[in-house]
Amino acid sequence: MFGLGMPELVVIMGITFLIFGGKKLPELGAGLGKGLKAFKTGLRDVDEHGKPTLEEGEPGRKEVNVVKN
């Protein structure tokens, strides 16, 4: 994993815990997970359709269509 061993990962996790604290780490993890999921979904949409697409249920979709037309 990027040339990092277990001791290096433990040190990185310890520093991260000290900086952000125990209460903030789950929020950061959840935000990172949601961001990665959205990124992967966007890449998949571009690969399948050849251009970025927006789902109908996304906020702002109606406004974007109005501006385009």
C-alpha atoms as a PDB file:
ATOM      1  CA  MET A   1       0.000   0.000   0.000  1.00  0.00           C
ATOM      2  CA  PHE A   2       2.106   2.883  -1.330  1.00  0.00           C
ATOM      3  CA  GLY A   3       5.194   1.497   0.403  1.00  0.00           C
ATOM      4  CA  LEU A   4       3.751   2.200   3.850  1.00  0.00           C
ATOM      5  CA  GLY A   5       4.095  -0.455   6.512  1.00  0.00           C
ATOM      6  CA  MET A   6       2.059  -0.987   9.622  1.00  0.00           C
ATOM      7  CA  PRO A   7       4.228   1.255  11.858  1.00  0.00           C
ATOM      8  CA  GLU A   8       3.900   4.183   9.460  1.00  0.00           C
ATOM      9  CA  LEU A   9       0.119   3.762   9.222  1.00  0.00           C
ATOM     10  CA  VAL A  10      -0.188   3.649  13.018  1.00  0.00           C
ATOM     11  CA  VAL A  11       1.801   6.875  13.344  1.00  0.00           C
ATOM     12  CA  ILE A  12      -0.331   8.587  10.660  1.00  0.00           C
ATOM     13  CA  MET A  13      -3.553   7.438  12.339  1.00  0.00           C
ATOM     14  CA  GLY A  14      -2.281   8.612  15.738  1.00  0.00           C
ATOM     15  CA  ILE A  15      -1.411  12.074  14.418  1.00  0.00           C
ATOM     16  CA  THR A  16      -4.786  12.290  12.670  1.00  0.00           C
ATOM     17  CA  PHE A  17      -6.538  11.356  15.916  1.00  0.00           C
ATOM     18  CA  LEU A  18      -4.624  14.031  17.813  1.00  0.00           C
ATOM     19  CA  ILE A  19      -5.401  16.716  15.236  1.00  0.00           C
ATOM     20  CA  PHE A  20      -9.103  16.027  14.668  1.00  0.00           C
ATOM     21  CA  GLY A  21     -10.169  14.233  17.849  1.00  0.00           C
ATOM     22  CA  GLY A  22     -12.341  11.183  18.318  1.00  0.00           C
ATOM     23  CA  LYS A  23     -15.681  12.868  17.680  1.00  0.00           C
ATOM     24  CA  LYS A  24     -14.724  14.409  14.351  1.00  0.00           C
ATOM     25  CA  LEU A  25     -13.067  11.333  12.761  1.00  0.00           C
ATOM     26  CA  PRO A  26     -16.326   9.469  11.922  1.00  0.00           C
ATOM     27  CA  GLU A  27     -17.684  12.612  10.260  1.00  0.00           C
ATOM     28  CA  LEU A  28     -14.504  12.987   8.218  1.00  0.00           C
ATOM     29  CA  GLY A  29     -14.633   9.321   7.213  1.00  0.00           C
ATOM     30  CA  ALA A  30     -18.265   9.545   6.165  1.00  0.00           C
ATOM     31  CA  GLY A  31     -17.595  12.682   4.138  1.00  0.00           C
ATOM     32  CA  LEU A  32     -14.612  11.073   2.447  1.00  0.00           C
ATOM     33  CA  GLY A  33     -16.657   7.974   1.624  1.00  0.00           C
ATOM     34  CA  LYS A  34     -19.495  10.012   0.123  1.00  0.00           C
ATOM     35  CA  GLY A  35     -17.028  12.041  -1.912  1.00  0.00           C
ATOM     36  CA  LEU A  36     -15.319   8.960  -3.305  1.00  0.00           C
ATOM     37  CA  LYS A  37     -18.676   7.381  -4.150  1.00  0.00           C
ATOM     38  CA  ALA A  38     -19.792  10.504  -6.031  1.00  0.00           C
ATOM     39  CA  PHE A  39     -16.453  10.632  -7.862  1.00  0.00           C
ATOM     40  CA  LYS A  40     -16.708   6.973  -8.940  1.00  0.00           C
ATOM     41  CA  THR A  41     -20.318   7.463 -10.037  1.00  0.00           C
ATOM     42  CA  GLY A  42     -19.306  10.472 -12.109  1.00  0.00           C
ATOM     43  CA  LEU A  43     -16.500   8.544 -13.770  1.00  0.00           C
ATOM     44  CA  ARG A  44     -18.837   5.652 -14.533  1.00  0.00           C
ATOM     45  CA  ASP A  45     -21.434   7.997 -16.072  1.00  0.00           C
ATOM     46  CA  VAL A  46     -18.800   9.599 -18.283  1.00  0.00           C
ATOM     47  CA  ASP A  47     -17.512   6.178 -19.387  1.00  0.00           C
ATOM     48  CA  GLU A  48     -20.981   4.824 -20.186  1.00  0.00           C
ATOM     49  CA  HIS A  49     -22.441   7.848 -21.935  1.00  0.00           C
ATOM     50  CA  GLY A  50     -19.389   9.663 -23.213  1.00  0.00           C
ATOM     51  CA  LYS A  51     -20.445  12.850 -21.461  1.00  0.00           C
ATOM     52  CA  PRO A  52     -21.325  13.830 -17.906  1.00  0.00           C
ATOM     53  CA  THR A  53     -24.953  13.290 -16.981  1.00  0.00           C
ATOM     54  CA  LEU A  54     -27.081  14.496 -14.108  1.00  0.00           C
ATOM     55  CA  GLU A  55     -29.865  12.484 -12.563  1.00  0.00           C
ATOM     56  CA  GLU A  56     -33.336  14.000 -12.599  1.00  0.00           C
ATOM     57  CA  GLY A  57     -33.609  13.970  -8.806  1.00  0.00           C
ATOM     58  CA  GLU A  58     -30.524  16.070  -8.199  1.00  0.00           C
ATOM     59  CA  PRO A  59     -30.983  19.533  -6.729  1.00  0.00           C
ATOM     60  CA  GLY A  60     -30.646  22.283  -9.306  1.00  0.00           C
ATOM     61  CA  ARG A  61     -31.445  20.022 -12.293  1.00  0.00           C
ATOM     62  CA  LYS A  62     -34.515  22.040 -13.249  1.00  0.00           C
ATOM     63  CA  GLU A  63     -32.591  25.320 -13.045  1.00  0.00           C
ATOM     64  CA  VAL A  64     -29.779  23.941 -15.195  1.00  0.00           C
ATOM     65  CA  ASN A  65     -32.253  22.878 -17.884  1.00  0.00           C
ATOM     66  CA  VAL A  66     -33.889  26.307 -17.833  1.00  0.00           C
ATOM     67  CA  VAL A  67     -30.525  28.035 -18.286  1.00  0.00           C
ATOM     68  CA  LYS A  68     -29.530  25.671 -21.100  1.00  0.00           C
ATOM     69  CA  ASN A  69     -32.750  26.315 -23.025  1.00  0.00           C
END
